[in-house]
Amino acid sequence: MWSTGAGRRGGQLGGSGGGGPVAGRWPETFDDVAAALDALPALVREALPQADPRRTVLTGHSAGGHLALWAAARHVLPADAPWRTDRPAALRGVVALAPIADFAVADKLDVCGGAARQLLGGGVEFAERRPYADPTLLLPTGIATTLVQGRTDIVVPQAVGESYADAAAKAGEVVGLTLLEDVGHFPLIDPAADACAVVAEEIAQLAW
């Protein structure tokens, strides 16, 4: 399992003005994730020679869930994308936890205070960069994918994950969507919560 964290590197987007941290930075956030995934096979061989790299499952929570979906879709990025690969990553699958999986819906709902626009930029930049970053526009991937979402999540509402699953279905791909009753945003990554046990089981099922 390789996990992408929910946080992204702070900073200002595209030289825009203003102070304080934002949800990420274009394009460095994607540079970092692509470099990490590219380095993973050699790291596994060196540090865990007994591991079976064919059983790798990417997982991430919230913004990290978006990055896990994106990392598994690099082979379907536009041809001019610097992160595009010529073949799918050697993954067993992806388990994305309450991911920001559809930037259009997330933008409409102002998820995380406009995190999608903080990452890509506003105005014309948002529209121009979405094909390189929005998981709903990078389908089908051919990689087994499951989303786990709390029904009472008010940080990243279930409508975001449902929209991604709908987009996948329209692209001819089945994406699992596990909806947990009375679960919010953070129990999915709380080791003491029942929801986290469900997450572990979903990962184990894909890694089998």
Protein backbone atom coordinates (compact mmCIF):
# COMPACT_ATOMS: atom_id res chain seq x y z
CA MET A 1 0.00 0.00 0.00
CA TRP A 2 1.21 3.49 -0.81
CA SER A 3 -0.65 6.36 0.78
CA THR A 4 -0.97 9.95 -0.30
CA GLY A 5 -1.65 12.34 2.53
CA ALA A 6 -4.57 14.73 2.65
CA GLY A 7 -2.36 17.81 2.76
CA ARG A 8 -0.68 19.43 -0.21
CA ARG A 9 2.36 21.63 -0.27
CA GLY A 10 1.41 25.17 0.63
CA GLY A 11 2.29 28.30 -1.29
CA GLN A 12 0.93 30.72 -3.84
CA LEU A 13 -0.49 29.56 -7.13
CA GLY A 14 1.07 30.61 -10.40
CA GLY A 15 2.63 33.70 -8.90
CA SER A 16 -0.74 35.08 -7.83
CA GLY A 17 -0.85 37.61 -5.05
CA GLY A 18 -2.07 37.13 -1.52
CA GLY A 19 -0.64 35.53 1.57
CA GLY A 20 -1.15 32.44 3.64
CA PRO A 21 -1.15 28.77 2.73
CA VAL A 22 -3.41 27.38 0.02
CA ALA A 23 -4.55 23.87 -0.86
CA GLY A 24 -1.64 23.16 -3.16
CA ARG A 25 0.50 24.45 -5.95
CA TRP A 26 0.42 24.00 -9.70
CA PRO A 27 2.34 22.19 -11.09
CA GLU A 28 4.63 21.18 -8.22
CA THR A 29 2.02 19.10 -6.41
CA PHE A 30 1.74 16.83 -9.47
CA ASP A 31 5.51 16.83 -10.01
CA ASP A 32 5.94 15.48 -6.48
CA VAL A 33 3.30 12.76 -6.75
CA ALA A 34 4.55 11.58 -10.15
CA ALA A 35 8.14 11.46 -8.89
CA ALA A 36 7.09 9.50 -5.80
CA LEU A 37 5.19 6.92 -7.83
CA ASP A 38 8.05 6.58 -10.31
CA ALA A 39 10.50 5.98 -7.47
CA LEU A 40 8.29 3.44 -5.70
CA PRO A 41 9.32 0.21 -7.51
CA ALA A 42 13.02 0.73 -6.79
CA LEU A 43 12.30 1.65 -3.18
CA VAL A 44 10.25 -1.51 -2.73
CA ARG A 45 13.01 -3.67 -4.21
CA GLU A 46 15.57 -2.07 -1.93
CA ALA A 47 13.67 -1.81 1.34
CA LEU A 48 11.13 -4.65 1.06
CA PRO A 49 12.61 -7.28 -1.25
CA GLN A 50 10.16 -9.86 0.12
CA ALA A 51 7.13 -7.77 -0.92
CA ASP A 52 5.10 -8.49 -4.04
CA PRO A 53 4.97 -5.16 -5.95
CA ARG A 54 2.11 -6.53 -8.05
CA ARG A 55 -0.12 -6.18 -4.99
CA THR A 56 0.36 -2.41 -4.65
CA VAL A 57 -2.76 -0.45 -3.75
CA LEU A 58 -2.75 3.34 -3.68
CA THR A 59 -4.84 4.99 -1.02
CA GLY A 60 -5.37 8.54 0.11
CA HIS A 61 -7.83 10.64 2.07
CA SER A 62 -9.64 13.81 0.96
CA ALA A 63 -7.18 15.80 -1.19
CA GLY A 64 -4.90 12.77 -0.92
CA GLY A 65 -7.73 10.69 -2.33
CA HIS A 66 -7.76 12.95 -5.36
CA LEU A 67 -4.01 12.46 -5.77
CA ALA A 68 -4.32 8.67 -5.51
CA LEU A 69 -6.93 8.66 -8.29
CA TRP A 70 -4.80 11.00 -10.37
CA ALA A 71 -1.63 8.95 -9.88
CA ALA A 72 -3.40 5.84 -11.16
CA ALA A 73 -4.62 7.73 -14.25
CA ARG A 74 -1.35 9.14 -15.58
CA HIS A 75 -1.47 6.89 -18.65
CA VAL A 76 -4.69 8.60 -19.79
CA LEU A 77 -3.50 12.16 -19.26
CA PRO A 78 -3.48 14.43 -22.32
CA ALA A 79 -0.59 13.68 -24.65
CA ASP A 80 1.23 16.91 -23.78
CA ALA A 81 1.09 16.35 -20.01
CA PRO A 82 4.60 16.10 -18.52
CA TRP A 83 3.42 13.41 -16.10
CA ARG A 84 1.90 11.10 -18.70
CA THR A 85 3.17 7.52 -18.84
CA ASP A 86 3.00 5.20 -21.82
CA ARG A 87 1.37 2.39 -19.85
CA PRO A 88 -0.74 1.97 -16.70
CA ALA A 89 1.08 1.86 -13.39
CA ALA A 90 1.67 -1.61 -12.00
CA LEU A 91 -1.07 -1.34 -9.41
CA ARG A 92 -3.61 -3.78 -8.03
CA GLY A 93 -5.97 -0.90 -7.42
CA VAL A 94 -6.90 2.36 -5.70
CA VAL A 95 -8.91 2.94 -2.53
CA ALA A 96 -9.81 6.63 -2.31
CA LEU A 97 -11.28 7.88 0.97
CA ALA A 98 -13.74 10.79 0.70
CA PRO A 99 -11.74 12.03 -2.29
CA ILE A 100 -12.10 15.34 -4.06
CA ALA A 101 -12.78 13.27 -7.15
CA ASP A 102 -14.81 15.67 -9.29
CA PHE A 103 -13.49 19.22 -9.47
CA ALA A 104 -16.61 20.65 -11.10
CA VAL A 105 -18.89 19.37 -8.33
CA ALA A 106 -16.35 20.26 -5.64
CA ASP A 107 -16.13 23.78 -7.04
CA LYS A 108 -19.91 24.13 -7.11
CA LEU A 109 -20.15 22.99 -3.49
CA ASP A 110 -17.13 25.08 -2.42
CA VAL A 111 -15.48 21.99 -0.95
CA CYS A 112 -12.73 22.84 1.55
CA GLY A 113 -13.06 26.54 0.87
CA GLY A 114 -12.46 26.24 -2.84
CA ALA A 115 -9.54 23.83 -2.67
CA ALA A 116 -9.83 22.83 -6.33
CA ARG A 117 -9.38 26.41 -7.50
CA GLN A 118 -6.62 26.97 -4.97
CA LEU A 119 -4.77 24.07 -6.57
CA LEU A 120 -5.40 24.82 -10.25
CA GLY A 121 -5.97 28.55 -10.18
CA GLY A 122 -9.12 30.53 -10.82
CA GLY A 123 -10.81 31.72 -13.97
CA VAL A 124 -9.42 30.46 -17.25
CA GLU A 125 -6.64 28.52 -15.50
CA PHE A 126 -9.18 26.32 -13.75
CA ALA A 127 -10.84 25.33 -17.02
CA GLU A 128 -7.55 24.87 -18.88
CA ARG A 129 -5.92 22.73 -16.20
CA ARG A 130 -8.86 20.49 -15.31
CA PRO A 131 -8.14 17.97 -18.13
CA TYR A 132 -4.71 17.43 -16.55
CA ALA A 133 -5.89 17.13 -12.96
CA ASP A 134 -9.57 16.23 -12.57
CA PRO A 135 -10.11 12.46 -12.09
CA THR A 136 -13.57 12.61 -13.71
CA LEU A 137 -11.89 13.69 -16.95
CA LEU A 138 -9.34 10.84 -16.77
CA LEU A 139 -11.59 7.85 -17.29
CA PRO A 140 -11.57 4.96 -17.87
CA THR A 141 -8.28 3.97 -16.23
CA GLY A 142 -8.60 0.18 -16.37
CA ILE A 143 -7.41 0.03 -12.76
CA ALA A 144 -9.69 -1.36 -10.05
CA THR A 145 -10.96 1.54 -7.96
CA THR A 146 -13.04 1.78 -4.80
CA LEU A 147 -14.27 4.92 -3.08
CA VAL A 148 -15.13 4.89 0.63
CA GLN A 149 -17.32 7.74 1.80
CA GLY A 150 -19.18 8.70 4.94
CA ARG A 151 -22.80 9.67 4.37
CA THR A 152 -22.60 12.46 6.98
CA ASP A 153 -19.37 13.90 5.63
CA ILE A 154 -19.80 17.69 5.41
CA VAL A 155 -16.17 18.37 4.44
CA VAL A 156 -16.25 16.43 1.16
CA PRO A 157 -19.92 15.51 0.65
CA GLN A 158 -20.83 12.16 -0.88
CA ALA A 159 -22.13 13.93 -3.99
CA VAL A 160 -18.51 14.42 -5.07
CA GLY A 161 -17.70 10.71 -4.98
CA GLU A 162 -21.03 9.78 -6.51
CA SER A 163 -20.36 12.07 -9.43
CA TYR A 164 -17.02 10.37 -10.06
CA ALA A 165 -18.62 6.93 -9.91
CA ASP A 166 -21.31 8.11 -12.37
CA ALA A 167 -18.64 9.46 -14.73
CA ALA A 168 -16.79 6.15 -14.56
CA ALA A 169 -19.96 4.24 -15.41
CA LYS A 170 -20.56 6.48 -18.42
CA ALA A 171 -16.99 5.74 -19.51
CA GLY A 172 -17.67 2.00 -19.28
CA GLU A 173 -15.88 1.39 -16.00
CA VAL A 174 -17.28 0.09 -12.72
CA VAL A 175 -16.04 1.93 -9.63
CA GLY A 176 -16.93 0.62 -6.20
CA LEU A 177 -18.60 3.12 -3.89
CA THR A 178 -18.89 2.14 -0.23
CA LEU A 179 -21.13 4.54 1.69
CA LEU A 180 -20.93 4.36 5.49
CA GLU A 181 -23.90 5.40 7.60
CA ASP A 182 -23.38 8.00 10.35
CA VAL A 183 -19.75 8.51 9.35
CA GLY A 184 -18.16 11.88 8.74
CA HIS A 185 -14.89 12.89 7.12
CA PHE A 186 -12.22 11.87 9.60
CA PRO A 187 -13.29 8.49 11.05
CA LEU A 188 -12.08 6.94 7.78
CA ILE A 189 -8.50 7.57 8.94
CA ASP A 190 -9.02 7.13 12.69
CA PRO A 191 -7.50 3.76 13.67
CA ALA A 192 -9.90 3.55 16.62
CA ALA A 193 -13.02 3.99 14.46
CA ASP A 194 -15.08 1.19 12.93
CA ALA A 195 -14.96 3.06 9.62
CA CYS A 196 -11.19 2.64 9.49
CA ALA A 197 -11.61 -1.12 9.77
CA VAL A 198 -13.86 -1.00 6.70
CA VAL A 199 -11.14 0.92 4.86
CA ALA A 200 -8.54 -1.68 5.81
CA GLU A 201 -10.80 -4.44 4.50
CA GLU A 202 -11.35 -2.63 1.19
CA ILE A 203 -7.57 -2.28 0.76
CA ALA A 204 -7.00 -5.92 1.66
CA GLN A 205 -9.61 -7.09 -0.86
CA LEU A 206 -7.92 -5.20 -3.70
CA ALA A 207 -4.42 -6.24 -2.63
CA TRP A 208 -5.30 -9.94 -2.50
